[in-house]
Amino acid sequence: MLADDARNILVYSRDLGDAHVYVLVNRSDKAQSVDLSTEQVDRNARLIDWLDATQAAVRPAPATPEGRPQIEPISGTAPAVVVRNGRASVNLKPWGAMILAPADAK
C-alpha cells in the first residue's frame, strides 16, 4: 500500500476473503502520521491494534499437541483507529508498528 523510503514508512495489507489486516511500520526515530486507505468492507470501521497489550491479550496455548496461543481483543477498549469513508490518519510512534483490524477479526 505504501513504501516511503524517505520517511522510512511501510504500510501493507493482508487479505483473506473479506477480512483485511493492515500492517504499519515506522522505521524512523521520529513519530509520524500516515494516511490509511482501507478496503470497501472496512470503509467505516473501528480498528484495534493487535500489538497493543491494552487492546488485545495473548492467551497461553492449551496443553495439547495441536495447542497454539490465541490472541483475543480486550472488551470495552476504545479503537486505535476509526475509519470514516475509507480513510483514517494513523499516528505511529518512533520505531513503532501496528497491526490494525476489527476486534472481530479472526
C-alpha atoms as a PDB file:
ATOM      1  CA  MET A   1       0.000   0.000   0.000  1.00  0.00           C
ATOM      2  CA  LEU A   2       2.870   2.370   0.816  1.00  0.00           C
ATOM      3  CA  ALA A   3       6.647   2.121   0.849  1.00  0.00           C
ATOM      4  CA  ASP A   4       8.090   5.547   1.631  1.00  0.00           C
ATOM      5  CA  ASP A   5      11.873   5.193   1.885  1.00  0.00           C
ATOM      6  CA  ALA A   6      12.379   8.902   2.527  1.00  0.00           C
ATOM      7  CA  ARG A   7      10.215   8.723   5.672  1.00  0.00           C
ATOM      8  CA  ASN A   8      11.059   5.065   6.494  1.00  0.00           C
ATOM      9  CA  ILE A   9       7.374   4.103   6.481  1.00  0.00           C
ATOM     10  CA  LEU A  10       5.946   0.790   5.285  1.00  0.00           C
ATOM     11  CA  VAL A  11       2.214   0.030   5.079  1.00  0.00           C
ATOM     12  CA  TYR A  12       0.663  -3.108   3.653  1.00  0.00           C
ATOM     13  CA  SER A  13      -2.471  -5.196   3.989  1.00  0.00           C
ATOM     14  CA  ARG A  14      -3.061  -8.899   4.195  1.00  0.00           C
ATOM     15  CA  ASP A  15      -6.352 -10.235   2.906  1.00  0.00           C
ATOM     16  CA  LEU A  16      -8.327 -13.440   3.329  1.00  0.00           C
ATOM     17  CA  GLY A  17     -11.722 -13.254   1.675  1.00  0.00           C
ATOM     18  CA  ASP A  18     -13.492 -10.188   3.045  1.00  0.00           C
ATOM     19  CA  ALA A  19     -11.119  -9.897   6.041  1.00  0.00           C
ATOM     20  CA  HIS A  20      -8.314  -7.354   5.896  1.00  0.00           C
ATOM     21  CA  VAL A  21      -5.432  -6.691   8.272  1.00  0.00           C
ATOM     22  CA  TYR A  22      -3.371  -3.527   7.930  1.00  0.00           C
ATOM     23  CA  VAL A  23       0.303  -3.531   8.966  1.00  0.00           C
ATOM     24  CA  LEU A  24       2.053  -0.198   9.530  1.00  0.00           C
ATOM     25  CA  VAL A  25       5.752   0.142  10.367  1.00  0.00           C
ATOM     26  CA  ASN A  26       7.688   3.299  11.248  1.00  0.00           C
ATOM     27  CA  ARG A  27      11.403   2.579  10.809  1.00  0.00           C
ATOM     28  CA  SER A  28      12.488   6.025  11.981  1.00  0.00           C
ATOM     29  CA  ASP A  29      13.326   7.631  15.312  1.00  0.00           C
ATOM     30  CA  LYS A  30      10.519  10.201  14.898  1.00  0.00           C
ATOM     31  CA  ALA A  31       6.770   9.872  15.483  1.00  0.00           C
ATOM     32  CA  GLN A  32       4.921  10.074  12.175  1.00  0.00           C
ATOM     33  CA  SER A  33       1.396  10.269  10.841  1.00  0.00           C
ATOM     34  CA  VAL A  34       0.263   8.047   7.986  1.00  0.00           C
ATOM     35  CA  ASP A  35      -2.883   8.332   5.875  1.00  0.00           C
ATOM     36  CA  LEU A  36      -4.525   4.912   5.597  1.00  0.00           C
ATOM     37  CA  SER A  37      -6.940   3.974   2.805  1.00  0.00           C
ATOM     38  CA  THR A  38      -8.960   0.867   3.589  1.00  0.00           C
ATOM     39  CA  GLU A  39     -10.820  -1.740   1.587  1.00  0.00           C
ATOM     40  CA  GLN A  40     -14.536  -1.291   0.933  1.00  0.00           C
ATOM     41  CA  VAL A  41     -15.516  -3.720   3.712  1.00  0.00           C
ATOM     42  CA  ASP A  42     -13.619  -1.547   6.233  1.00  0.00           C
ATOM     43  CA  ARG A  43     -14.964   1.744   4.817  1.00  0.00           C
ATOM     44  CA  ASN A  44     -16.407   2.768   8.203  1.00  0.00           C
ATOM     45  CA  ALA A  45     -14.611   0.606  10.726  1.00  0.00           C
ATOM     46  CA  ARG A  46     -13.291   0.681  14.257  1.00  0.00           C
ATOM     47  CA  LEU A  47      -9.860  -0.966  14.200  1.00  0.00           C
ATOM     48  CA  ILE A  48      -7.875  -2.177  17.175  1.00  0.00           C
ATOM     49  CA  ASP A  49      -4.104  -2.547  17.329  1.00  0.00           C
ATOM     50  CA  TRP A  50      -3.489  -6.245  17.864  1.00  0.00           C
ATOM     51  CA  LEU A  51       0.082  -5.459  19.057  1.00  0.00           C
ATOM     52  CA  ASP A  52      -1.145  -3.178  21.866  1.00  0.00           C
ATOM     53  CA  ALA A  53      -1.454  -5.025  25.193  1.00  0.00           C
ATOM     54  CA  THR A  54      -4.263  -2.660  26.227  1.00  0.00           C
ATOM     55  CA  GLN A  55      -6.341  -3.742  23.208  1.00  0.00           C
ATOM     56  CA  ALA A  56      -5.502  -7.431  22.735  1.00  0.00           C
ATOM     57  CA  ALA A  57      -4.288 -10.199  25.018  1.00  0.00           C
ATOM     58  CA  VAL A  58      -2.367 -13.364  24.220  1.00  0.00           C
ATOM     59  CA  ARG A  59      -3.743 -16.472  25.904  1.00  0.00           C
ATOM     60  CA  PRO A  60      -1.324 -19.368  26.504  1.00  0.00           C
ATOM     61  CA  ALA A  61      -1.539 -22.438  24.328  1.00  0.00           C
ATOM     62  CA  PRO A  62      -3.612 -25.313  25.670  1.00  0.00           C
ATOM     63  CA  ALA A  63      -1.601 -28.345  26.765  1.00  0.00           C
ATOM     64  CA  THR A  64      -2.386 -30.401  23.673  1.00  0.00           C
ATOM     65  CA  PRO A  65      -0.173 -31.436  20.761  1.00  0.00           C
ATOM     66  CA  GLU A  66      -2.082 -29.048  18.471  1.00  0.00           C
ATOM     67  CA  GLY A  67      -2.230 -26.257  21.065  1.00  0.00           C
ATOM     68  CA  ARG A  68      -1.425 -22.753  19.868  1.00  0.00           C
ATOM     69  CA  PRO A  69      -1.527 -19.455  21.724  1.00  0.00           C
ATOM     70  CA  GLN A  70      -4.615 -17.372  20.983  1.00  0.00           C
ATOM     71  CA  ILE A  71      -4.952 -13.619  20.743  1.00  0.00           C
ATOM     72  CA  GLU A  72      -8.233 -12.043  21.809  1.00  0.00           C
ATOM     73  CA  PRO A  73      -9.493  -8.462  21.855  1.00  0.00           C
ATOM     74  CA  ILE A  74      -9.961  -6.881  25.265  1.00  0.00           C
ATOM     75  CA  SER A  75     -13.601  -5.879  25.513  1.00  0.00           C
ATOM     76  CA  GLY A  76     -14.551  -2.312  26.268  1.00  0.00           C
ATOM     77  CA  THR A  77     -11.408  -0.689  24.900  1.00  0.00           C
ATOM     78  CA  ALA A  78     -11.575   2.239  22.521  1.00  0.00           C
ATOM     79  CA  PRO A  79     -10.393   1.533  18.968  1.00  0.00           C
ATOM     80  CA  ALA A  80      -6.886   2.575  17.990  1.00  0.00           C
ATOM     81  CA  VAL A  81      -8.185   3.931  14.675  1.00  0.00           C
ATOM     82  CA  VAL A  82     -11.625   4.936  13.430  1.00  0.00           C
ATOM     83  CA  VAL A  83     -12.015   4.727   9.656  1.00  0.00           C
ATOM     84  CA  ARG A  84     -14.535   7.031   8.019  1.00  0.00           C
ATOM     85  CA  ASN A  85     -15.363   6.843   4.324  1.00  0.00           C
ATOM     86  CA  GLY A  86     -12.385   4.532   3.750  1.00  0.00           C
ATOM     87  CA  ARG A  87      -9.777   6.886   5.209  1.00  0.00           C
ATOM     88  CA  ALA A  88      -8.007   7.355   8.523  1.00  0.00           C
ATOM     89  CA  SER A  89      -4.974   9.147   9.868  1.00  0.00           C
ATOM     90  CA  VAL A  90      -2.758   6.901  11.985  1.00  0.00           C
ATOM     91  CA  ASN A  91      -0.079   8.113  14.395  1.00  0.00           C
ATOM     92  CA  LEU A  92       2.942   5.845  14.645  1.00  0.00           C
ATOM     93  CA  LYS A  93       5.436   6.019  17.489  1.00  0.00           C
ATOM     94  CA  PRO A  94       9.176   6.155  16.741  1.00  0.00           C
ATOM     95  CA  TRP A  95      10.342   2.676  15.705  1.00  0.00           C
ATOM     96  CA  GLY A  96       6.679   1.662  16.081  1.00  0.00           C
ATOM     97  CA  ALA A  97       4.481  -0.882  14.395  1.00  0.00           C
ATOM     98  CA  MET A  98       0.746  -1.554  14.397  1.00  0.00           C
ATOM     99  CA  ILE A  99      -1.393  -4.416  13.176  1.00  0.00           C
ATOM    100  CA  LEU A 100      -4.869  -2.997  12.667  1.00  0.00           C
ATOM    101  CA  ALA A 101      -8.065  -4.994  12.167  1.00  0.00           C
ATOM    102  CA  PRO A 102     -11.585  -5.025  13.579  1.00  0.00           C
ATOM    103  CA  ALA A 103     -11.967  -6.604  17.021  1.00  0.00           C
ATOM    104  CA  ASP A 104     -13.981  -9.433  15.479  1.00  0.00           C
ATOM    105  CA  ALA A 105     -11.195 -10.347  13.011  1.00  0.00           C
ATOM    106  CA  LYS A 106     -10.102 -13.971  13.179  1.00  0.00           C
END
